[in-house]
Each structure stands twice: as C-alpha cells, then as structure tokens.
Protein backbone atom coordinates (compact mmCIF):
# COMPACT_ATOMS: atom_id res chain seq x y z
CA MET A 1 7.43 -14.45 104.94
CA THR A 2 7.22 -15.89 101.28
CA ARG A 3 7.08 -13.63 98.42
CA ARG A 4 4.17 -13.89 95.77
CA LYS A 5 3.66 -12.75 92.59
CA GLY A 6 0.52 -13.92 92.35
CA ARG A 7 -2.25 -11.96 90.86
CA ALA A 8 -5.65 -11.17 92.48
CA GLY A 9 -6.84 -9.47 88.84
CA PHE A 10 -10.35 -8.37 87.73
CA ALA A 11 -12.26 -9.58 90.51
CA PHE A 12 -10.14 -8.01 93.01
CA ILE A 13 -10.59 -4.46 91.34
CA ALA A 14 -14.39 -4.96 90.55
CA ALA A 15 -15.40 -5.75 94.11
CA ALA A 16 -13.19 -3.21 95.65
CA VAL A 17 -14.99 -0.53 93.33
CA VAL A 18 -18.38 -1.84 94.27
CA LEU A 19 -17.60 -1.38 98.14
CA ALA A 20 -15.92 1.82 97.87
CA GLY A 21 -18.12 3.75 95.50
CA VAL A 22 -15.25 4.29 92.81
CA THR A 23 -15.88 6.40 89.59
CA ARG A 24 -14.44 3.78 87.18
CA ASP A 25 -12.63 4.83 84.04
CA ALA A 26 -13.65 2.04 81.34
CA ALA A 27 -10.80 3.15 79.33
CA ALA A 28 -8.29 2.65 82.02
CA GLY A 29 -8.40 -1.00 81.94
CA ASP A 30 -7.76 -2.61 85.08
CA PHE A 31 -7.54 1.29 87.10
CA ALA A 32 -10.00 2.96 88.97
CA MET A 33 -9.42 6.45 90.66
CA MET A 34 -10.99 7.31 94.23
CA PRO A 35 -14.04 9.55 94.42
CA GLU A 36 -11.78 12.24 96.34
CA PHE A 37 -9.32 12.47 93.13
CA ALA A 38 -11.23 11.65 90.34
CA GLY A 39 -12.55 15.15 89.27
CA THR A 40 -8.99 16.63 88.94
CA TYR A 41 -6.49 13.46 88.31
CA GLY A 42 -6.65 10.38 85.88
CA LEU A 43 -4.93 7.44 85.36
CA ASP A 44 -4.41 6.33 81.91
CA ASP A 45 -3.36 3.06 80.69
CA LEU A 46 -0.15 3.32 78.01
CA GLY A 47 -0.37 -0.57 77.59
CA PRO A 48 2.28 -3.09 77.80
CA VAL A 49 5.77 -2.03 76.46
CA PRO A 50 6.32 -3.22 72.79
CA GLY A 51 8.83 -6.17 72.54
CA LEU A 52 10.03 -6.20 76.77
CA PRO A 53 9.73 -9.39 78.39
CA SER A 54 7.14 -9.85 81.12
CA ASN A 55 6.77 -9.15 84.90
CA TYR A 56 7.71 -5.62 85.00
CA GLY A 57 9.36 -3.73 87.85
CA GLY A 58 10.96 -0.65 88.14
CA VAL A 59 10.84 2.50 86.29
CA ALA A 60 12.90 5.50 85.88
CA PHE A 61 14.22 7.90 83.06
CA ASP A 62 17.25 7.79 81.65
CA PRO A 63 19.19 10.58 82.96
CA GLY A 64 20.56 11.54 79.02
CA ASP A 65 17.11 11.68 77.58
CA PRO A 66 13.85 12.46 79.44
CA ASP A 67 12.01 10.98 76.29
CA THR A 68 13.28 7.49 77.00
CA LEU A 69 11.78 5.30 79.85
CA LEU A 70 14.03 2.90 81.75
CA ILE A 71 12.04 0.00 82.87
CA ALA A 72 13.02 -3.42 84.65
CA ALA A 73 11.69 -6.99 83.51
CA GLY A 74 11.87 -10.23 84.67
CA ALA A 75 11.20 -9.02 88.16
CA VAL A 76 12.44 -10.56 91.41
CA SER A 77 14.22 -13.44 88.89
CA GLY A 78 17.59 -14.04 88.25
CA SER A 79 17.32 -13.20 84.53
CA ALA A 80 15.88 -9.72 85.39
CA ALA A 81 16.94 -6.76 83.22
CA ILE A 82 16.74 -3.05 82.59
CA TYR A 83 15.59 -2.16 79.42
CA ALA A 84 15.00 1.07 77.68
CA VAL A 85 11.91 2.25 75.42
CA PRO A 86 11.62 5.85 73.30
CA VAL A 87 8.27 7.50 74.60
CA THR A 88 5.60 9.21 72.47
CA ARG A 89 4.26 12.48 73.63
CA GLY A 90 1.33 14.64 72.98
CA CYS A 91 0.21 18.48 72.51
CA PHE A 92 1.11 19.10 76.65
CA GLY A 93 4.00 17.07 76.46
CA GLU A 94 2.27 13.91 78.41
CA ILE A 95 3.53 10.93 77.91
CA THR A 96 0.90 9.19 75.15
CA GLY A 97 2.83 5.60 74.35
CA PHE A 98 6.15 4.00 72.88
CA ALA A 99 7.75 4.90 69.82
CA ALA A 100 9.75 1.36 69.59
CA ASP A 101 10.44 -1.76 71.18
CA ALA A 102 12.62 -2.03 74.38
CA THR A 103 16.10 -2.53 74.13
CA PHE A 104 18.39 -4.14 76.60
CA VAL A 105 20.41 -1.65 78.98
CA ALA A 106 21.75 -3.71 81.72
CA SER A 107 21.52 -6.91 83.59
CA SER A 108 19.85 -6.75 87.23
CA PRO A 109 19.29 -9.85 89.12
CA PHE A 110 16.30 -9.91 91.34
CA ILE A 111 15.40 -6.24 90.79
CA ASP A 112 12.25 -5.08 92.28
CA SER A 113 10.14 -2.06 91.89
CA GLY A 114 13.36 0.01 93.08
CA LEU A 115 14.58 1.73 90.62
CA THR A 116 16.31 5.44 90.73
CA VAL A 117 18.99 8.01 89.31
CA ALA A 118 21.96 8.94 91.33
CA PRO A 119 23.86 11.87 90.97
CA GLY A 120 26.17 11.28 87.83
CA GLY A 121 23.72 8.79 86.07
CA THR A 122 24.09 5.95 88.13
CA LEU A 123 21.08 3.62 88.55
CA LEU A 124 20.54 2.38 91.85
CA TYR A 125 17.84 -0.56 92.21
CA THR A 126 16.38 -2.74 94.79
CA THR A 127 16.64 -6.80 94.75
CA TYR A 128 14.42 -9.27 96.36
CA ASP A 129 14.50 -10.99 98.39
CA GLY A 130 18.05 -10.57 98.76
CA ASN A 131 17.90 -7.33 100.09
CA THR A 132 20.64 -5.84 98.43
CA LEU A 133 21.16 -2.04 96.29
CA GLY A 134 22.59 -2.56 92.98
CA GLN A 135 24.62 0.32 91.72
CA ILE A 136 25.21 0.89 87.89
CA THR A 137 27.38 3.32 86.66
CA PRO A 138 26.65 5.08 82.70
CA GLY A 139 27.30 2.46 79.79
CA GLN A 140 27.98 -0.45 82.08
CA PRO A 141 26.28 -4.06 81.00
CA ALA A 142 25.62 -4.79 84.99
CA ALA A 143 26.09 -3.88 88.44
CA ASP A 144 29.48 -2.30 89.41
CA ARG A 145 28.58 -2.55 92.98
CA LEU A 146 25.85 -4.41 95.25
CA VAL A 147 25.53 -2.91 98.73
CA ASP A 148 24.31 -5.59 101.15
CA LEU A 149 21.22 -3.54 103.09
CA SER A 150 20.70 -5.84 105.96
CA ALA A 151 24.26 -5.16 106.98
CA LEU A 152 23.35 -1.27 107.05
CA GLY A 153 20.21 -2.45 109.27
CA VAL A 154 17.83 -2.44 106.70
CA THR A 155 14.81 -5.10 107.33
CA PRO A 156 14.90 -7.83 104.98
CA SER A 157 13.75 -7.91 102.04
CA THR A 158 13.55 -4.32 100.33
CA GLY A 159 10.61 -3.25 98.19
CA SER A 160 11.81 -0.43 96.45
CA ALA A 161 14.18 2.74 96.97
CA ALA A 162 13.92 6.36 95.38
CA ILE A 163 16.18 9.86 95.95
CA VAL A 164 13.94 12.61 96.79
CA PRO A 165 14.37 15.04 93.96
CA ALA A 166 15.31 18.64 94.19
CA GLY A 167 12.21 21.23 95.60
CA PHE A 168 10.94 18.30 97.82
CA PRO A 169 11.30 18.08 101.59
CA GLY A 170 14.80 15.78 102.16
CA ALA A 171 16.22 16.71 98.67
CA GLY A 172 18.68 14.31 98.05
CA ARG A 173 18.18 11.90 100.50
CA LEU A 174 17.72 7.99 99.77
CA LYS A 175 14.35 6.52 100.96
CA ILE A 176 14.23 2.77 101.17
CA GLY A 177 11.31 0.98 101.38
CA VAL A 178 10.61 -2.35 103.16
CA TYR A 179 8.33 -5.10 101.02
CA ASP A 180 8.05 -7.45 103.59
CA ASP A 181 6.97 -4.85 106.94
CA GLY A 182 6.11 -1.29 104.99
CA ASP A 183 8.83 0.13 106.74
CA TRP A 184 10.72 3.19 105.30
CA TYR A 185 14.14 4.02 105.80
CA ASP A 186 16.51 7.35 105.04
CA ALA A 187 19.98 7.23 103.93
CA THR A 188 22.71 9.72 103.11
CA LEU A 189 24.36 8.92 99.50
CA ALA A 190 28.42 9.48 99.51
CA PRO A 191 30.16 9.06 96.85
CA ASP A 192 33.16 6.72 96.73
CA GLY A 193 35.38 8.01 94.01
CA SER A 194 34.32 5.27 91.43
CA GLY A 195 30.93 6.32 90.31
CA THR A 196 29.04 4.61 92.93
CA PHE A 197 27.94 5.55 96.25
CA ASP A 198 28.27 4.23 100.54
CA ILE A 199 25.01 4.17 101.64
CA ALA A 200 25.32 6.33 105.05
CA GLY A 201 23.60 7.14 108.17
CA VAL A 202 20.76 4.68 107.65
CA GLU A 203 17.56 5.37 109.99
CA ARG A 204 14.46 3.99 110.06
CA ARG A 205 11.65 6.66 109.79
CA ALA A 206 8.92 5.60 109.40
CA ILE A 207 6.54 2.28 109.90
CA ALA A 208 3.66 0.41 108.45
CA VAL A 209 3.60 2.87 104.99
CA GLY A 210 2.24 -0.21 102.71
CA ASN A 211 1.39 -3.50 102.26
CA GLY A 212 3.78 -4.71 100.07
CA LEU A 213 5.61 -1.44 99.73
CA GLU A 214 7.04 -0.87 96.40
CA GLY A 215 7.21 1.99 93.91
CA ILE A 216 7.92 5.67 95.46
CA ALA A 217 7.52 8.94 93.38
CA TRP A 218 6.72 12.54 94.96
CA ILE A 219 4.03 14.96 94.47
CA ALA A 220 4.44 18.58 94.63
CA GLY A 221 2.40 20.89 97.23
CA GLY A 222 -0.11 23.72 96.31
CA GLN A 223 -2.82 22.01 94.32
CA PRO A 224 -6.25 20.43 94.65
CA ASN A 225 -5.87 17.57 97.25
CA PHE A 226 -2.55 18.12 97.82
CA PRO A 227 -1.72 21.54 99.85
CA VAL A 228 1.61 20.54 100.97
CA PRO A 229 4.27 17.90 98.84
CA HIS A 230 3.07 14.21 99.21
CA VAL A 231 4.80 11.06 98.19
CA LEU A 232 2.95 8.62 96.68
CA VAL A 233 3.24 4.91 97.37
CA ASN A 234 2.62 1.69 95.58
CA ASN A 235 1.16 -0.87 97.56
CA TRP A 236 1.63 -4.21 95.71
CA ASP A 237 -0.29 -6.51 98.29
CA ALA A 238 -3.30 -4.17 98.71
CA GLU A 239 -3.43 -3.64 95.11
CA ARG A 240 -3.86 0.05 95.74
CA ILE A 241 -1.64 3.43 95.11
CA ASP A 242 -1.65 5.68 98.70
CA VAL A 243 -0.57 9.20 99.21
CA MET A 244 0.79 10.74 102.05
CA ALA A 245 2.04 14.19 103.63
CA LEU A 246 5.64 14.70 103.74
CA ASP A 247 7.38 15.76 106.61
CA ALA A 248 10.16 18.05 107.12
CA ALA A 249 12.23 15.74 106.48
CA GLY A 250 10.84 14.24 103.65
CA ASP A 251 9.40 11.40 104.93
CA PRO A 252 5.55 10.10 104.73
CA ASP A 253 3.16 10.93 107.94
CA VAL A 254 1.31 7.95 107.76
CA THR A 255 -1.29 9.36 109.70
CA THR A 256 -2.24 11.31 106.65
CA ARG A 257 -2.55 8.35 104.58
CA ARG A 258 -5.13 8.44 101.62
CA THR A 259 -6.33 5.84 98.80
CA PHE A 260 -5.61 7.50 95.25
CA ALA A 261 -6.78 4.71 93.19
CA LEU A 262 -6.99 0.97 92.83
CA ILE A 263 -4.57 -1.03 90.26
CA THR A 264 -3.58 -4.66 90.02
CA GLY A 265 -0.04 -5.56 90.64
CA PRO A 266 1.51 -1.78 91.14
CA GLU A 267 5.26 -2.10 91.02
CA GLY A 268 7.81 0.88 89.92
CA ALA A 269 6.88 4.47 89.71
CA ALA A 270 8.79 7.43 88.78
CA GLY A 271 8.13 11.29 88.14
CA ASP A 272 8.31 12.39 84.59
CA TRP A 273 10.82 14.72 83.76
CA ARG A 274 8.97 17.02 81.46
CA THR A 275 5.56 17.10 83.18
CA PRO A 276 3.98 16.75 86.71
CA ASP A 277 2.81 12.97 85.86
CA ILE A 278 3.74 10.04 87.39
CA ILE A 279 4.83 6.76 85.58
CA VAL A 280 3.40 3.67 87.09
CA SER A 281 4.56 -0.28 86.14
CA SER A 282 1.88 -2.92 86.94
CA LEU A 283 3.28 -6.34 87.19
CA GLY A 284 1.41 -9.70 86.42
CA PRO A 285 0.07 -11.76 83.52
CA GLU A 286 -1.06 -8.54 81.90
CA ASP A 287 1.71 -6.08 82.40
CA HIS A 288 1.12 -2.48 81.62
CA VAL A 289 2.59 0.67 82.40
CA ALA A 290 0.08 3.75 83.54
CA ALA A 291 0.41 7.17 83.50
CA VAL A 292 -1.08 8.93 86.56
CA ARG A 293 -2.05 12.55 85.16
CA ILE A 294 -1.28 15.48 87.63
CA PRO A 295 -2.26 18.73 86.29
CA GLY A 296 -0.11 20.98 88.26
CA PRO A 297 -0.38 23.74 90.66
CA CYS A 298 -3.67 25.92 89.99
CA ALA A 299 -3.64 24.41 86.82
CA ALA A 300 -7.38 25.25 86.06
CA ASP A 301 -6.46 28.91 85.87
CA VAL A 302 -6.74 29.21 82.43
CA ALA A 303 -8.57 32.64 82.00
CA PRO A 304 -7.31 35.11 80.73
CA VAL A 305 -4.44 33.91 78.94
CA GLY A 306 -1.66 32.31 81.05
CA GLY A 307 -4.31 33.01 84.27
CA ASP A 308 -4.95 35.57 86.84
CA GLY A 309 -4.29 33.85 90.03
CA SER A 310 -7.80 32.66 90.94
CA ILE A 311 -10.03 30.09 89.20
CA GLY A 312 -13.75 31.65 88.81
CA ALA A 313 -16.33 32.58 85.87
CA ALA A 314 -13.55 33.40 83.31
CA ASP A 315 -12.14 29.65 83.52
CA LEU A 316 -15.78 28.28 83.54
CA ILE A 317 -16.55 30.10 80.45
CA ALA A 318 -12.98 28.93 78.91
CA VAL A 319 -13.57 25.36 79.22
CA LEU A 320 -17.57 25.86 77.97
CA ALA A 321 -16.37 27.76 74.72
CA ASN A 322 -13.90 24.76 74.46
CA TRP A 323 -15.81 22.16 74.81
CA GLU A 324 -14.36 19.02 73.29
CA GLU A 325 -11.25 20.66 71.75
CA ALA A 326 -8.18 18.83 72.20
CA CYS A 327 -4.93 21.02 71.75
CA THR A 328 -5.44 23.79 73.78
CA PRO A 329 -4.28 25.42 76.95
CA VAL A 330 -7.96 25.07 78.60
CA ASN A 331 -7.40 20.93 78.29
CA PHE A 332 -5.50 21.26 81.31
CA ASP A 333 -6.00 17.52 82.41
CA ARG A 334 -4.01 16.41 79.26
CA ARG A 335 -6.53 13.88 79.14
CA GLY A 336 -8.58 13.49 75.63
CA VAL A 337 -10.57 16.57 74.51
CA VAL A 338 -11.77 19.22 77.27
CA GLY A 339 -14.93 17.92 79.09
CA PHE A 340 -16.43 17.14 82.46
CA GLY A 341 -12.66 16.78 83.56
CA GLU A 342 -11.85 20.18 83.15
CA LEU A 343 -15.33 21.43 84.14
CA LEU A 344 -15.15 19.32 87.09
CA SER A 345 -11.74 20.43 88.14
CA VAL A 346 -12.58 24.33 88.01
CA LEU A 347 -15.36 23.73 90.25
CA HIS A 348 -13.74 22.01 92.68
CA ALA A 349 -10.51 24.42 92.55
CA TRP A 350 -13.08 27.83 92.96
CA GLY A 351 -10.93 30.85 94.63
CA PRO A 352 -7.96 32.02 95.00
CA CYS A 353 -5.28 29.97 93.70
CA PRO A 354 -2.97 28.08 96.45
C-alpha cells in the first residue's frame, strides 16, 4: 500500500457531519464531536504550534517537564525531527495554548505518529514505511538504536506505538499499531543496559483496529460513556477518532468500537500528565493541535463542595448559580464558562457516581 499523505479536508468533514447528525462546535475548526459524547466531552483546537515546521506527527510530554509538549514535524520524511514547546494552562491545569516557539530536540527521520516515553526518559518512535522503532536516550540529538520490527514479526508498516500507563490493564506493555492493515501488537520492553530496550515477545493481539491506525492514548473508566478503561485510536484514513474498551491485557475489544469525533488528519495522541485530557496532533496543510477534554470520573459531582458521591439537584443548582462563570470548580468540563455543557453533563450523569 502506498501511503498518502493527502487531505480530504473540510468537504469530507462537512458531509460526515450532515450524514451523522453531529453537533458541530464551530469554535473547534475542523473537528466535530459525535452526539453520544458531545454533552460531556469536548475537542478544542489549540491551533498551530509557533515555530514548528509543517506535517505534524507524534506527540508526547517531556519526561522532565509536564508543561512541555514534544511533537514531531516533517512526519514520514527524511528531515523529520522532534521539537519541544512549552504549553500554557488555564484555571484547572488544562492546556490552553503555547507559550513560545518550538525548539529542536532530536532528529527522527521518517517518524510517524508513534512517540512515547519509556522508563528512564528514553523516547521511542515509530517510522513509516521503514517499520522500525527508534530509541533516543535523554539529551541525545538522534536515535541511539533502531529496532527492525519486521524482523520481529510486525507487519509493515507501523503507524504508532504507545506504552500502557500505570493504572490500566496491561500497564507497562508496549502496544504497536500498524498503519497499513490496522493490526495491533503487544510486546515487552526489556532494558539492554545502555538506556535503550530490546523488544521481546511480540504478538499480534487484534486485527482491523483502525483505518490507517495512528496515535494511541488511554481513557480511565468509571465516567459517563466509559464505565471501563478504554483506548482512544486515531484513524487517519477514515478521518476520525475511535474509542474501544480494553480487555484484561490492555488490548482493544474491536467489537466495542465507537466513533468519538471526526477530525481531519488525526496523527499523534498523548495523555496530559496534569489532567485527564488527551492531546491530538493533526497532519496536513493546516497542521494543528487539539485537546480532547475529559472531565474525569464523576466530575459533575460538585455540590456540596467536594461532592457527595451522587449527581443530582444540588449539582444542578450549583451549575445554575455559577452560570457564565469561568474559574470555578463548577466549570468541571474546563471549557470556556459554566453553561450548557455542564448542564447537559449533570443531566446525563444523574444518579450515584460509578
């Protein structure tokens, strides 16, 4: 399969919005939340990264600074590199934009959407269509090691890789996503004594996970729409973000697939280290970064102060009493001011907390 990367653009999104009956947030630009999730979750456009070259790729957070985003540019080209950009945050720690121009971190030729932080701060990244896993130890300007994934049985060519975070099924496992066929692999990271890792026990765990499988991130269970832990997957070819429940090994159950949002050119994905939010990069002539706003388990339980384990009349009254206020705990969706988003969330989650 010859890879892209073209751009279907606004026409595709507009048509999909009409056909799916999606409620569109005009402020979100080229994004559209699916109705099932729109009352509780949001997708906010953070815009392009200042000073960053075009064709955004994988994203991660600096292992030494949770307020610095690492992002690849020049994706799937020989000149690709990883850059760092400091983020700005709002009243509740949510990322609202970028504080300065991006600066060079390390070269990463042909990097795709896979960028993740391994133990010790080593950066792992996938390449397309070389089907390799690059490894950059802290402070180095280029890869210390390249692992041939084809030799380990991974079908060419990868789109992404991510390490399952603590608190999720399969924590610490390396998950590898193949762009060309959408297959999903599980592997073990074994330290090799040099700050890099051997990749062992590679096993295909799921097939047809996504059309043009790209960035991977994780959503905690115990909240509206997500009673159990889920994985979020960017589908580049289909121009959408999907979510699937995780099994006990941390792999997606493809029978539970739901479309979370429509987005043009979804590439990298990474969980924010200060909030439950997920940062998504988008590749194309109009490269940008978005924040998937995830309020967290039982976020609508705001009254009395600190919550009481149930969402009901007290929480509804608190929303109405704080209408159009911004920096208040009642603004639990962390988007703009208290308004219909919080109101719908309270009504949707009415009853005991999970």
